[in-house]
Structure formats: structure tokens, C-alpha cells
């Protein structure tokens, strides 16, 4: 598979089948992803992968916290949509507005149920940075994450990057023995797409390249 094809074919899967992900494939994905650029070769990230009973425990506790109204305490706090740029808010609104057309009137319930179940992901990759990390490390981690997504796509493994994976860091620290001097930045769910699930028909559109690109000779 060519890189261009992997980029174009990859999309966020919000309901995975029960088919597991091979551990050797996961190791290869992470190894390949290490070729991402890194500021002065600092390589600040750590990688934790949850599968099997560990992921089951995380999922059950996540669902319990969600149902009982426990407030999220993610290490990286989300920002209110109202504080984003006008263009970003427009993009978000257009995407959200199209979801009911795909899922129907109970779209919020369906989305909520899937997120509480962590999308039935069969493996979740958690990426951390040391506390006090340099701003450039976030760029490094973004590049590393994209490599994970594309490497997984090449192997026929689907993915989703979601805030829900990291909204309750206390669960992750306990289950994965993540030390307090590391911040949990992002979670990536992996598995195989359930092609019968309507929720997987949700698509996000991108702006025309002319809207973001400025070229000068």
C-alpha cells in the first residue's frame, strides 16, 4: 500500500468487531513509528498498550465512571468549542450537524454508548510525555501518532484517536502502571471495523486546499 492510499483510506472507526489485534503486529507498528522526526533526537514519548484483561478492566471502569457522572480529569484539558476560532467552530458545527442524518434521532445516545465502551477497540495505544515537556515534543508526538495510524492502515488495522481514551487518567495509571511524572497525552484505539455498524458511516470533510494554502514565488 502506498502512503497516499493509506492516508486517504484511513478514517475514524467508532465500532470495532471482537477480532483481536496480533501482538507482533502491534510491536511492528510501534517500531516503524519510531522513525518519526524528533527534536534533536530527544524521543520523549513512552508507549503503553492495553489488550485482553487489562483493556477489559479499563473499559469496565471507564463505563462505570461515565454512568456515575465522574468528572473527567485528563492530563491535557480540552478547550470549550466557544473558544476555538470562527472557522474551527464552523467546521465542528458542520460535522456535528451531519451526524443525525446518519444515525437518526437517537444519535446522541448511540455516540454516548460507543464512547462509554471505548468503541469496542481491541487494543488501545496510550502515548505519554514527561511532565514539563518542551512544546516541540507535542509536534514529535503528533508525527509519531500519525505514523501509528498509517502503519496500522497498511496492515489492514483500523483506528480512532479519541479524547475518551484518556479522560480518566487515574484508571490508566493504575492498570498500566504509568508513573506520575508522565502525562498521558493521547489514546489510539485499534481493531477491525464493523462494516455493518451505522456509526462507522460518519465521515468528516476537509476544507478545500485553497482555504488553507498560501503559495508565493
N, C-alpha and C. Protein backbone atom coordinates (compact mmCIF):
# COMPACT_ATOMS: atom_id res chain seq x y z
N UNK A 1 0.84 -1.20 0.00
CA UNK A 1 0.00 0.00 0.00
C UNK A 1 0.87 1.25 0.00
N UNK A 2 0.58 2.19 -0.91
CA UNK A 2 1.33 3.43 -0.95
C UNK A 2 0.88 4.36 0.17
N UNK A 3 1.77 5.27 0.55
CA UNK A 3 1.47 6.20 1.64
C UNK A 3 0.21 7.00 1.32
N UNK A 4 0.10 7.50 0.11
CA UNK A 4 -1.07 8.29 -0.29
C UNK A 4 -2.36 7.50 -0.09
N UNK A 5 -2.33 6.24 -0.47
CA UNK A 5 -3.52 5.40 -0.31
C UNK A 5 -3.87 5.22 1.16
N UNK A 6 -2.86 4.99 2.00
CA UNK A 6 -3.10 4.81 3.43
C UNK A 6 -3.71 6.07 4.04
N UNK A 7 -3.19 7.24 3.64
CA UNK A 7 -3.72 8.50 4.15
C UNK A 7 -5.18 8.67 3.76
N UNK A 8 -5.49 8.37 2.50
CA UNK A 8 -6.85 8.58 2.01
C UNK A 8 -7.84 7.54 2.54
N UNK A 9 -7.37 6.34 2.80
CA UNK A 9 -8.28 5.28 3.24
C UNK A 9 -8.52 5.28 4.75
N UNK A 10 -7.56 5.79 5.53
CA UNK A 10 -7.73 5.77 6.97
C UNK A 10 -8.87 6.69 7.40
N UNK A 11 -9.70 6.22 8.31
CA UNK A 11 -10.79 7.03 8.86
C UNK A 11 -11.06 6.56 10.28
N UNK A 12 -11.78 7.38 11.03
CA UNK A 12 -12.07 7.04 12.42
C UNK A 12 -13.17 5.99 12.50
N UNK A 13 -12.85 4.87 13.13
CA UNK A 13 -13.81 3.78 13.33
C UNK A 13 -14.35 3.88 14.75
N UNK A 14 -15.69 3.92 14.87
CA UNK A 14 -16.32 4.11 16.18
C UNK A 14 -17.01 2.86 16.70
N UNK A 15 -16.86 1.77 15.96
CA UNK A 15 -17.28 0.47 16.50
C UNK A 15 -16.46 -0.62 15.82
N UNK A 16 -15.66 -1.30 16.63
CA UNK A 16 -14.80 -2.38 16.13
C UNK A 16 -15.46 -3.73 16.38
N UNK A 17 -15.07 -4.72 15.59
CA UNK A 17 -15.50 -6.09 15.83
C UNK A 17 -14.74 -6.64 17.04
N UNK A 18 -15.07 -7.88 17.40
CA UNK A 18 -14.40 -8.52 18.54
C UNK A 18 -13.08 -9.19 18.15
N UNK A 19 -12.69 -9.08 16.89
CA UNK A 19 -11.45 -9.70 16.44
C UNK A 19 -10.25 -8.99 17.07
N UNK A 20 -9.37 -9.77 17.70
CA UNK A 20 -8.21 -9.20 18.36
C UNK A 20 -7.13 -8.74 17.39
N UNK A 21 -6.18 -7.98 17.92
CA UNK A 21 -5.05 -7.50 17.13
C UNK A 21 -3.80 -8.24 17.57
N UNK A 22 -3.06 -8.78 16.62
CA UNK A 22 -1.88 -9.58 16.91
C UNK A 22 -0.80 -8.74 17.59
N UNK A 23 -0.23 -9.27 18.66
CA UNK A 23 0.78 -8.55 19.43
C UNK A 23 2.02 -8.24 18.59
N UNK A 24 2.42 -9.17 17.73
CA UNK A 24 3.59 -8.93 16.89
C UNK A 24 3.34 -7.79 15.91
N UNK A 25 2.11 -7.70 15.41
CA UNK A 25 1.77 -6.59 14.52
C UNK A 25 1.86 -5.26 15.26
N UNK A 26 1.39 -5.25 16.50
CA UNK A 26 1.45 -4.03 17.30
C UNK A 26 2.90 -3.59 17.53
N UNK A 27 3.75 -4.54 17.83
CA UNK A 27 5.17 -4.23 18.05
C UNK A 27 5.79 -3.65 16.78
N UNK A 28 5.44 -4.25 15.64
CA UNK A 28 5.99 -3.76 14.37
C UNK A 28 5.49 -2.34 14.08
N UNK A 29 4.21 -2.08 14.36
CA UNK A 29 3.64 -0.75 14.14
C UNK A 29 4.39 0.29 14.97
N UNK A 30 4.64 -0.02 16.23
CA UNK A 30 5.34 0.92 17.10
C UNK A 30 6.78 1.10 16.64
N UNK A 31 7.44 0.01 16.25
CA UNK A 31 8.83 0.08 15.80
C UNK A 31 8.96 0.96 14.56
N UNK A 32 8.06 0.77 13.60
CA UNK A 32 8.08 1.58 12.38
C UNK A 32 7.81 3.05 12.72
N UNK A 33 6.89 3.28 13.64
CA UNK A 33 6.51 4.64 14.01
C UNK A 33 7.64 5.42 14.65
N UNK A 34 8.62 4.71 15.19
CA UNK A 34 9.76 5.40 15.81
C UNK A 34 10.62 6.16 14.80
N UNK A 35 10.37 5.95 13.53
CA UNK A 35 11.11 6.69 12.51
C UNK A 35 10.59 8.11 12.34
N UNK A 36 9.56 8.49 13.09
CA UNK A 36 9.04 9.86 13.04
C UNK A 36 10.13 10.84 13.45
N UNK A 37 10.10 12.08 12.92
CA UNK A 37 11.09 13.08 13.32
C UNK A 37 10.98 13.40 14.80
N UNK A 38 12.10 13.72 15.42
CA UNK A 38 12.12 14.05 16.84
C UNK A 38 13.13 15.16 17.10
N UNK A 39 12.70 16.17 17.84
CA UNK A 39 13.54 17.34 18.12
C UNK A 39 14.87 16.93 18.75
N UNK A 40 15.97 17.20 18.05
CA UNK A 40 17.33 16.85 18.49
C UNK A 40 17.41 15.39 18.92
N UNK A 41 16.58 14.57 18.28
CA UNK A 41 16.53 13.12 18.58
C UNK A 41 16.19 12.84 20.04
N UNK A 42 15.36 13.71 20.63
CA UNK A 42 15.04 13.58 22.06
C UNK A 42 14.18 12.35 22.36
N UNK A 43 13.32 11.95 21.41
CA UNK A 43 12.47 10.77 21.57
C UNK A 43 11.81 10.73 22.96
N UNK A 44 10.99 11.73 23.27
CA UNK A 44 10.47 11.87 24.63
C UNK A 44 9.31 10.94 24.98
N UNK A 45 8.69 10.32 23.98
CA UNK A 45 7.45 9.58 24.24
C UNK A 45 7.68 8.22 24.86
N UNK A 46 6.67 7.78 25.61
CA UNK A 46 6.59 6.40 26.09
C UNK A 46 5.27 5.83 25.57
N UNK A 47 5.25 4.52 25.36
CA UNK A 47 4.09 3.88 24.75
C UNK A 47 3.58 2.76 25.65
N UNK A 48 2.29 2.78 25.92
CA UNK A 48 1.64 1.74 26.72
C UNK A 48 0.49 1.16 25.90
N UNK A 49 0.44 -0.14 25.78
CA UNK A 49 -0.62 -0.79 25.00
C UNK A 49 -1.47 -1.66 25.92
N UNK A 50 -2.78 -1.45 25.89
CA UNK A 50 -3.71 -2.25 26.68
C UNK A 50 -4.47 -3.20 25.76
N UNK A 51 -4.49 -4.48 26.14
CA UNK A 51 -5.24 -5.51 25.44
C UNK A 51 -5.85 -6.46 26.46
N UNK A 52 -6.61 -7.41 25.99
CA UNK A 52 -7.09 -8.50 26.83
C UNK A 52 -7.75 -8.07 28.12
N UNK A 53 -7.36 -8.73 29.23
CA UNK A 53 -7.98 -8.47 30.53
C UNK A 53 -7.71 -7.05 31.00
N UNK A 54 -6.52 -6.53 30.68
CA UNK A 54 -6.20 -5.17 31.11
C UNK A 54 -7.14 -4.17 30.45
N UNK A 55 -7.36 -4.32 29.15
CA UNK A 55 -8.27 -3.42 28.46
C UNK A 55 -9.71 -3.64 28.93
N UNK A 56 -10.06 -4.87 29.23
CA UNK A 56 -11.40 -5.15 29.76
C UNK A 56 -11.62 -4.40 31.06
N UNK A 57 -10.63 -4.43 31.96
CA UNK A 57 -10.74 -3.72 33.23
C UNK A 57 -10.86 -2.22 33.01
N UNK A 58 -10.05 -1.69 32.10
CA UNK A 58 -10.10 -0.25 31.79
C UNK A 58 -11.48 0.11 31.25
N UNK A 59 -11.99 -0.70 30.36
CA UNK A 59 -13.30 -0.44 29.74
C UNK A 59 -14.41 -0.44 30.79
N UNK A 60 -14.39 -1.45 31.68
CA UNK A 60 -15.43 -1.55 32.70
C UNK A 60 -15.40 -0.37 33.66
N UNK A 61 -14.20 0.03 34.06
CA UNK A 61 -14.09 1.16 34.98
C UNK A 61 -14.46 2.47 34.28
N UNK A 62 -14.07 2.59 33.02
CA UNK A 62 -14.42 3.77 32.24
C UNK A 62 -15.94 3.90 32.14
N UNK A 63 -16.62 2.81 31.84
CA UNK A 63 -18.07 2.83 31.72
C UNK A 63 -18.71 3.18 33.07
N UNK A 64 -18.19 2.62 34.15
CA UNK A 64 -18.72 2.93 35.48
C UNK A 64 -18.57 4.40 35.80
N UNK A 65 -17.40 4.95 35.55
CA UNK A 65 -17.17 6.38 35.80
C UNK A 65 -18.13 7.23 34.98
N UNK A 66 -18.33 6.84 33.72
CA UNK A 66 -19.21 7.60 32.83
C UNK A 66 -20.65 7.57 33.33
N UNK A 67 -21.13 6.38 33.70
CA UNK A 67 -22.52 6.22 34.12
C UNK A 67 -22.80 6.88 35.46
N UNK A 68 -21.79 6.97 36.32
CA UNK A 68 -21.98 7.57 37.64
C UNK A 68 -21.64 9.05 37.68
N UNK A 69 -21.28 9.60 36.51
CA UNK A 69 -21.06 11.04 36.44
C UNK A 69 -19.74 11.54 36.99
N UNK A 70 -18.73 10.67 37.04
CA UNK A 70 -17.41 11.11 37.49
C UNK A 70 -16.87 12.14 36.49
N UNK A 71 -16.34 13.25 36.98
CA UNK A 71 -15.85 14.30 36.12
C UNK A 71 -14.49 13.93 35.52
N UNK A 72 -14.32 14.11 34.21
CA UNK A 72 -13.03 13.83 33.56
C UNK A 72 -11.92 14.71 34.14
N UNK A 73 -10.73 14.13 34.22
CA UNK A 73 -9.56 14.87 34.72
C UNK A 73 -8.36 14.61 33.83
N UNK A 74 -8.56 14.65 32.53
CA UNK A 74 -7.47 14.33 31.60
C UNK A 74 -6.26 15.21 31.84
N UNK A 75 -5.08 14.65 31.61
CA UNK A 75 -3.83 15.41 31.80
C UNK A 75 -3.75 16.59 30.85
N UNK A 76 -4.28 16.44 29.65
CA UNK A 76 -4.37 17.55 28.70
C UNK A 76 -5.84 17.97 28.64
N UNK A 77 -6.13 19.15 29.15
CA UNK A 77 -7.53 19.58 29.26
C UNK A 77 -8.09 19.99 27.90
N UNK A 78 -9.32 19.57 27.61
CA UNK A 78 -9.97 20.01 26.36
C UNK A 78 -10.39 21.47 26.48
N UNK A 79 -10.56 22.13 25.34
CA UNK A 79 -10.96 23.53 25.33
C UNK A 79 -12.39 23.65 24.82
N UNK A 80 -13.18 24.49 25.45
CA UNK A 80 -14.55 24.72 25.01
C UNK A 80 -14.58 25.10 23.55
N UNK A 81 -15.57 24.58 22.83
CA UNK A 81 -15.70 24.90 21.41
C UNK A 81 -15.86 26.40 21.19
N UNK A 82 -16.45 27.09 22.15
CA UNK A 82 -16.68 28.52 22.02
C UNK A 82 -15.38 29.31 21.97
N UNK A 83 -14.28 28.70 22.42
CA UNK A 83 -13.00 29.40 22.46
C UNK A 83 -12.15 29.13 21.22
N UNK A 84 -12.63 28.26 20.34
CA UNK A 84 -11.90 27.99 19.11
C UNK A 84 -12.15 29.12 18.11
N UNK A 85 -11.37 29.14 17.05
CA UNK A 85 -11.55 30.16 16.02
C UNK A 85 -12.91 30.01 15.35
N UNK A 86 -13.34 31.08 14.69
CA UNK A 86 -14.63 31.05 14.00
C UNK A 86 -14.68 29.95 12.96
N UNK A 87 -13.58 29.78 12.21
CA UNK A 87 -13.55 28.74 11.18
C UNK A 87 -13.61 27.34 11.80
N UNK A 88 -12.88 27.15 12.89
CA UNK A 88 -12.88 25.85 13.56
C UNK A 88 -14.27 25.52 14.09
N UNK A 89 -14.94 26.51 14.67
CA UNK A 89 -16.30 26.29 15.17
C UNK A 89 -17.26 25.93 14.03
N UNK A 90 -17.08 26.56 12.89
CA UNK A 90 -17.92 26.27 11.73
C UNK A 90 -17.70 24.82 11.27
N UNK A 91 -16.43 24.42 11.21
CA UNK A 91 -16.12 23.04 10.81
C UNK A 91 -16.74 22.03 11.78
N UNK A 92 -16.62 22.32 13.08
CA UNK A 92 -17.18 21.42 14.10
C UNK A 92 -18.70 21.32 13.96
N UNK A 93 -19.33 22.48 13.77
CA UNK A 93 -20.80 22.51 13.67
C UNK A 93 -21.29 21.74 12.45
N UNK A 94 -20.60 21.89 11.33
CA UNK A 94 -21.00 21.18 10.11
C UNK A 94 -20.89 19.68 10.30
N UNK A 95 -19.80 19.25 10.95
CA UNK A 95 -19.61 17.82 11.20
C UNK A 95 -20.69 17.29 12.13
N UNK A 96 -20.92 17.99 13.24
CA UNK A 96 -21.93 17.55 14.21
C UNK A 96 -23.32 17.54 13.60
N UNK A 97 -23.59 18.52 12.73
CA UNK A 97 -24.91 18.62 12.12
C UNK A 97 -25.25 17.50 11.17
N UNK A 98 -24.24 16.84 10.64
CA UNK A 98 -24.47 15.76 9.69
C UNK A 98 -24.65 14.39 10.36
N UNK A 99 -24.27 14.29 11.63
CA UNK A 99 -24.35 13.00 12.32
C UNK A 99 -25.78 12.48 12.43
N UNK A 100 -26.78 13.33 12.79
CA UNK A 100 -28.16 12.82 12.87
C UNK A 100 -28.66 12.24 11.55
N UNK A 101 -28.16 12.74 10.43
CA UNK A 101 -28.58 12.22 9.13
C UNK A 101 -28.14 10.77 8.96
N UNK A 102 -27.05 10.40 9.62
CA UNK A 102 -26.53 9.04 9.53
C UNK A 102 -27.13 8.12 10.58
N UNK A 103 -27.25 8.63 11.81
CA UNK A 103 -27.65 7.77 12.93
C UNK A 103 -29.10 7.91 13.35
N UNK A 104 -29.77 8.98 12.93
CA UNK A 104 -31.16 9.18 13.32
C UNK A 104 -31.30 10.02 14.58
N UNK A 105 -32.53 10.08 15.09
CA UNK A 105 -32.85 10.96 16.22
C UNK A 105 -32.10 10.59 17.50
N UNK A 106 -31.75 9.31 17.67
CA UNK A 106 -31.07 8.88 18.88
C UNK A 106 -29.55 8.92 18.73
N UNK A 107 -29.09 9.82 17.88
CA UNK A 107 -27.65 9.84 17.59
C UNK A 107 -26.80 10.10 18.82
N UNK A 108 -27.29 10.95 19.73
CA UNK A 108 -26.51 11.24 20.93
C UNK A 108 -26.37 10.01 21.82
N UNK A 109 -27.46 9.24 21.92
CA UNK A 109 -27.40 8.02 22.71
C UNK A 109 -26.46 7.00 22.12
N UNK A 110 -26.49 6.87 20.80
CA UNK A 110 -25.60 5.92 20.12
C UNK A 110 -24.15 6.32 20.28
N UNK A 111 -23.86 7.60 20.07
CA UNK A 111 -22.48 8.08 20.22
C UNK A 111 -22.00 7.91 21.65
N UNK A 112 -22.90 8.21 22.61
CA UNK A 112 -22.53 8.09 24.02
C UNK A 112 -22.25 6.65 24.42
N UNK A 113 -23.07 5.73 23.93
CA UNK A 113 -22.88 4.32 24.25
C UNK A 113 -21.55 3.81 23.70
N UNK A 114 -21.24 4.16 22.46
CA UNK A 114 -19.99 3.70 21.86
C UNK A 114 -18.78 4.27 22.60
N UNK A 115 -18.84 5.54 22.95
CA UNK A 115 -17.70 6.15 23.65
C UNK A 115 -17.52 5.55 25.04
N UNK A 116 -18.64 5.23 25.71
CA UNK A 116 -18.53 4.64 27.05
C UNK A 116 -17.92 3.24 26.99
N UNK A 117 -18.07 2.57 25.85
CA UNK A 117 -17.50 1.24 25.65
C UNK A 117 -16.12 1.31 24.98
N UNK A 118 -15.60 2.54 24.85
CA UNK A 118 -14.31 2.75 24.18
C UNK A 118 -14.32 2.14 22.78
N UNK A 119 -15.49 2.25 22.14
CA UNK A 119 -15.67 1.88 20.73
C UNK A 119 -15.39 0.40 20.45
N UNK A 120 -15.35 -0.39 21.53
CA UNK A 120 -15.02 -1.82 21.42
C UNK A 120 -13.65 -2.05 20.79
N UNK A 121 -12.77 -1.08 20.95
CA UNK A 121 -11.40 -1.24 20.45
C UNK A 121 -10.77 -2.48 21.06
N UNK A 122 -10.00 -3.21 20.28
CA UNK A 122 -9.38 -4.45 20.75
C UNK A 122 -7.95 -4.24 21.25
N UNK A 123 -7.44 -3.05 21.02
CA UNK A 123 -6.15 -2.64 21.59
C UNK A 123 -6.18 -1.12 21.65
N UNK A 124 -5.63 -0.57 22.72
CA UNK A 124 -5.53 0.89 22.82
C UNK A 124 -4.08 1.25 23.10
N UNK A 125 -3.56 2.14 22.27
CA UNK A 125 -2.18 2.62 22.43
C UNK A 125 -2.24 3.96 23.14
N UNK A 126 -1.61 4.04 24.30
CA UNK A 126 -1.57 5.29 25.07
C UNK A 126 -0.16 5.88 24.96
N UNK A 127 -0.10 7.16 24.62
CA UNK A 127 1.18 7.84 24.45
C UNK A 127 1.35 8.88 25.55
N UNK A 128 2.52 8.89 26.16
CA UNK A 128 2.80 9.83 27.24
C UNK A 128 4.04 10.66 26.94
N UNK A 129 4.12 11.80 27.63
CA UNK A 129 5.32 12.64 27.61
C UNK A 129 5.70 12.95 29.05
N UNK A 130 6.98 13.19 29.32
CA UNK A 130 7.38 13.52 30.69
C UNK A 130 6.81 14.87 31.10
N UNK A 131 6.45 15.00 32.37
CA UNK A 131 5.94 16.28 32.85
C UNK A 131 6.99 17.37 32.61
N UNK A 132 6.52 18.55 32.23
CA UNK A 132 7.44 19.63 31.92
C UNK A 132 8.02 19.52 30.53
N UNK A 133 7.35 18.75 29.66
CA UNK A 133 7.87 18.52 28.30
C UNK A 133 7.96 19.83 27.52
N UNK A 134 8.91 19.86 26.59
CA UNK A 134 9.06 21.01 25.71
C UNK A 134 7.91 21.04 24.71
N UNK A 135 7.53 22.24 24.28
CA UNK A 135 6.42 22.37 23.34
C UNK A 135 6.68 21.57 22.06
N UNK A 136 7.94 21.51 21.62
CA UNK A 136 8.26 20.77 20.40
C UNK A 136 7.94 19.28 20.54
N UNK A 137 7.92 18.80 21.79
CA UNK A 137 7.62 17.38 22.00
C UNK A 137 6.21 17.03 21.55
N UNK A 138 5.30 18.00 21.61
CA UNK A 138 3.94 17.75 21.14
C UNK A 138 3.93 17.53 19.63
N UNK A 139 4.78 18.29 18.92
CA UNK A 139 4.91 18.05 17.47
C UNK A 139 5.46 16.65 17.23
N UNK A 140 6.49 16.28 17.97
CA UNK A 140 7.07 14.94 17.84
C UNK A 140 6.01 13.87 18.04
N UNK A 141 5.19 14.05 19.08
CA UNK A 141 4.18 13.04 19.40
C UNK A 141 3.10 12.98 18.32
N UNK A 142 2.78 14.14 17.73
CA UNK A 142 1.82 14.15 16.63
C UNK A 142 2.33 13.36 15.44
N UNK A 143 3.60 13.55 15.11
CA UNK A 143 4.20 12.82 14.00
C UNK A 143 4.25 11.32 14.31
N UNK A 144 4.61 11.00 15.54
CA UNK A 144 4.66 9.60 15.98
C UNK A 144 3.27 8.96 15.88
N UNK A 145 2.25 9.71 16.31
CA UNK A 145 0.88 9.19 16.26
C UNK A 145 0.43 8.93 14.83
N UNK A 146 0.74 9.87 13.94
CA UNK A 146 0.34 9.68 12.54
C UNK A 146 1.02 8.45 11.95
N UNK A 147 2.26 8.21 12.31
CA UNK A 147 2.94 7.00 11.84
C UNK A 147 2.22 5.75 12.32
N UNK A 148 1.73 5.78 13.56
CA UNK A 148 0.98 4.64 14.09
C UNK A 148 -0.27 4.40 13.25
N UNK A 149 -1.00 5.47 12.97
CA UNK A 149 -2.24 5.35 12.20
C UNK A 149 -1.99 4.78 10.80
N UNK A 150 -0.96 5.31 10.14
CA UNK A 150 -0.69 4.87 8.77
C UNK A 150 -0.09 3.47 8.73
N UNK A 151 0.76 3.15 9.70
CA UNK A 151 1.32 1.80 9.75
C UNK A 151 0.24 0.77 10.02
N UNK A 152 -0.71 1.13 10.89
CA UNK A 152 -1.83 0.22 11.16
C UNK A 152 -2.68 0.03 9.90
N UNK A 153 -2.95 1.13 9.21
CA UNK A 153 -3.75 1.05 7.98
C UNK A 153 -3.09 0.14 6.96
N UNK A 154 -1.78 0.24 6.84
CA UNK A 154 -1.04 -0.59 5.89
C UNK A 154 -1.25 -2.07 6.19
N UNK A 155 -1.40 -2.40 7.47
CA UNK A 155 -1.58 -3.80 7.86
C UNK A 155 -3.05 -4.20 7.94
N UNK A 156 -3.94 -3.32 7.46
CA UNK A 156 -5.35 -3.65 7.46
C UNK A 156 -6.04 -3.47 8.79
N UNK A 157 -5.40 -2.72 9.70
CA UNK A 157 -5.95 -2.48 11.04
C UNK A 157 -6.54 -1.08 11.08
N UNK A 158 -7.77 -0.98 11.57
CA UNK A 158 -8.45 0.31 11.64
C UNK A 158 -8.15 1.02 12.95
N UNK A 159 -8.53 2.31 13.03
CA UNK A 159 -8.11 3.10 14.18
C UNK A 159 -9.05 4.26 14.47
N UNK A 160 -8.90 4.82 15.66
CA UNK A 160 -9.54 6.06 16.04
C UNK A 160 -8.71 6.73 17.13
N UNK A 161 -8.53 8.03 17.00
CA UNK A 161 -7.90 8.83 18.05
C UNK A 161 -9.02 9.54 18.79
N UNK A 162 -9.12 9.39 20.10
CA UNK A 162 -10.27 9.94 20.81
C UNK A 162 -9.90 10.39 22.22
N UNK A 163 -10.50 11.51 22.60
CA UNK A 163 -10.35 12.03 23.96
C UNK A 163 -10.84 11.05 25.01
N UNK A 164 -11.87 10.28 24.67
CA UNK A 164 -12.45 9.35 25.63
C UNK A 164 -11.45 8.34 26.18
N UNK A 165 -10.45 8.02 25.42
CA UNK A 165 -9.45 7.05 25.89
C UNK A 165 -8.64 7.57 27.07
N UNK A 166 -8.52 8.89 27.18
CA UNK A 166 -7.62 9.45 28.20
C UNK A 166 -8.33 10.35 29.20
N UNK A 167 -9.66 10.38 29.21
CA UNK A 167 -10.39 11.32 30.06
C UNK A 167 -10.34 10.96 31.54
N UNK A 168 -10.05 9.68 31.85
CA UNK A 168 -9.93 9.25 33.24
C UNK A 168 -8.53 8.68 33.49
N UNK A 169 -7.53 9.52 33.60
CA UNK A 169 -6.15 9.05 33.69
C UNK A 169 -5.86 8.19 34.93
N UNK A 170 -6.64 8.37 36.01
CA UNK A 170 -6.39 7.58 37.21
C UNK A 170 -6.58 6.09 36.95
N UNK A 171 -7.53 5.75 36.07
CA UNK A 171 -7.74 4.36 35.71
C UNK A 171 -6.52 3.81 34.98
N UNK A 172 -6.00 4.59 34.06
CA UNK A 172 -4.87 4.16 33.24
C UNK A 172 -3.60 4.03 34.07
N UNK A 173 -3.39 4.94 34.99
CA UNK A 173 -2.19 4.86 35.84
C UNK A 173 -2.20 3.58 36.67
N UNK A 174 -3.38 3.22 37.17
CA UNK A 174 -3.48 2.01 37.99
C UNK A 174 -3.30 0.75 37.17
N UNK A 175 -3.97 0.68 36.02
CA UNK A 175 -3.96 -0.54 35.22
C UNK A 175 -2.67 -0.74 34.44
N UNK A 176 -2.04 0.36 34.01
CA UNK A 176 -0.84 0.27 33.16
C UNK A 176 0.44 0.66 33.88
N UNK A 177 0.32 0.97 35.16
CA UNK A 177 1.47 1.39 35.96
C UNK A 177 2.22 2.57 35.31
N UNK A 178 1.45 3.56 34.91
CA UNK A 178 2.04 4.77 34.34
C UNK A 178 2.44 5.68 35.49
N UNK A 179 3.71 6.05 35.61
CA UNK A 179 4.16 6.86 36.75
C UNK A 179 3.60 8.28 36.71
N UNK A 180 3.59 8.92 37.87
CA UNK A 180 3.03 10.26 37.99
C UNK A 180 3.85 11.32 37.27
N UNK A 181 5.10 11.01 36.95
CA UNK A 181 5.93 12.01 36.28
C UNK A 181 5.78 11.96 34.76
N UNK A 182 4.78 11.21 34.29
CA UNK A 182 4.45 11.19 32.86
C UNK A 182 3.02 11.70 32.68
N UNK A 183 2.80 12.50 31.65
CA UNK A 183 1.45 12.97 31.33
C UNK A 183 0.90 12.12 30.19
N UNK A 184 -0.33 11.68 30.35
CA UNK A 184 -0.99 10.86 29.34
C UNK A 184 -1.61 11.80 28.31
N UNK A 185 -1.05 11.81 27.12
CA UNK A 185 -1.43 12.81 26.11
C UNK A 185 -2.57 12.34 25.22
N UNK A 186 -2.47 11.14 24.70
CA UNK A 186 -3.46 10.71 23.70
C UNK A 186 -3.62 9.19 23.73
N UNK A 187 -4.81 8.74 23.30
CA UNK A 187 -5.06 7.32 23.16
C UNK A 187 -5.52 7.00 21.75
N UNK A 188 -5.05 5.89 21.22
CA UNK A 188 -5.41 5.47 19.86
C UNK A 188 -6.01 4.07 19.94
N UNK A 189 -7.28 3.96 19.54
CA UNK A 189 -7.93 2.66 19.53
C UNK A 189 -7.65 1.93 18.22
N UNK A 190 -7.38 0.65 18.32
CA UNK A 190 -7.08 -0.18 17.14
C UNK A 190 -7.96 -1.42 17.12
N UNK A 191 -8.22 -1.90 15.92
CA UNK A 191 -9.03 -3.10 15.76
C UNK A 191 -9.48 -3.22 14.32
N UNK A 192 -10.60 -3.90 14.13
CA UNK A 192 -11.11 -4.14 12.78
C UNK A 192 -12.55 -3.60 12.69
N UNK A 193 -12.80 -2.82 11.66
CA UNK A 193 -14.07 -2.13 11.51
C UNK A 193 -15.25 -3.08 11.38
N UNK A 194 -16.30 -2.79 12.13
CA UNK A 194 -17.58 -3.47 11.93
C UNK A 194 -18.30 -2.74 10.80
N UNK A 195 -18.28 -3.31 9.62
CA UNK A 195 -18.81 -2.63 8.45
C UNK A 195 -20.34 -2.55 8.46
N UNK A 196 -20.99 -3.26 9.38
CA UNK A 196 -22.44 -3.21 9.48
C UNK A 196 -22.92 -2.10 10.41
N UNK A 197 -22.02 -1.53 11.18
CA UNK A 197 -22.40 -0.51 12.15
C UNK A 197 -22.58 0.85 11.47
N UNK A 198 -23.77 1.42 11.63
CA UNK A 198 -24.04 2.71 11.00
C UNK A 198 -23.09 3.80 11.46
N UNK A 199 -22.66 3.70 12.71
CA UNK A 199 -21.81 4.75 13.26
C UNK A 199 -20.50 4.87 12.49
N UNK A 200 -20.11 3.80 11.81
CA UNK A 200 -18.88 3.84 11.03
C UNK A 200 -19.06 4.51 9.67
N UNK A 201 -20.29 4.94 9.39
CA UNK A 201 -20.54 5.67 8.15
C UNK A 201 -20.36 7.17 8.32
N UNK A 202 -20.08 7.60 9.56
CA UNK A 202 -19.84 9.02 9.81
C UNK A 202 -18.52 9.42 9.16
N UNK A 203 -18.54 10.49 8.40
CA UNK A 203 -17.34 10.98 7.74
C UNK A 203 -17.12 12.44 8.07
N UNK A 204 -15.89 12.84 8.15
CA UNK A 204 -15.57 14.25 8.35
C UNK A 204 -14.96 14.80 7.07
N UNK A 205 -15.44 15.95 6.65
CA UNK A 205 -14.95 16.57 5.42
C UNK A 205 -13.80 17.52 5.74
N UNK A 206 -12.94 17.72 4.78
CA UNK A 206 -11.84 18.66 4.93
C UNK A 206 -12.08 19.88 4.05
N UNK A 207 -11.58 21.00 4.49
CA UNK A 207 -11.73 22.23 3.71
C UNK A 207 -10.95 22.11 2.41
N UNK A 208 -11.36 22.89 1.42
CA UNK A 208 -10.62 22.94 0.16
C UNK A 208 -9.20 23.41 0.44
N UNK A 209 -8.24 22.85 -0.27
CA UNK A 209 -6.85 23.20 -0.01
C UNK A 209 -6.61 24.70 -0.20
N UNK A 210 -7.38 25.32 -1.09
CA UNK A 210 -7.22 26.76 -1.33
C UNK A 210 -7.56 27.58 -0.08
N UNK A 211 -8.37 27.01 0.82
CA UNK A 211 -8.77 27.73 2.03
C UNK A 211 -7.67 27.76 3.09
N UNK A 212 -6.68 26.87 2.97
CA UNK A 212 -5.64 26.82 3.99
C UNK A 212 -4.24 27.08 3.42
N UNK A 213 -4.11 27.11 2.09
CA UNK A 213 -2.80 27.18 1.47
C UNK A 213 -2.53 28.56 0.87
N UNK A 214 -1.32 29.05 1.13
CA UNK A 214 -0.87 30.29 0.50
C UNK A 214 0.53 30.03 -0.06
N UNK A 215 0.70 30.22 -1.35
CA UNK A 215 1.98 29.98 -2.01
C UNK A 215 2.48 31.25 -2.65
N UNK A 216 3.77 31.49 -2.51
CA UNK A 216 4.39 32.68 -3.12
C UNK A 216 5.69 32.29 -3.82
N UNK A 217 5.91 32.85 -4.96
CA UNK A 217 7.18 32.61 -5.69
C UNK A 217 8.16 33.73 -5.38
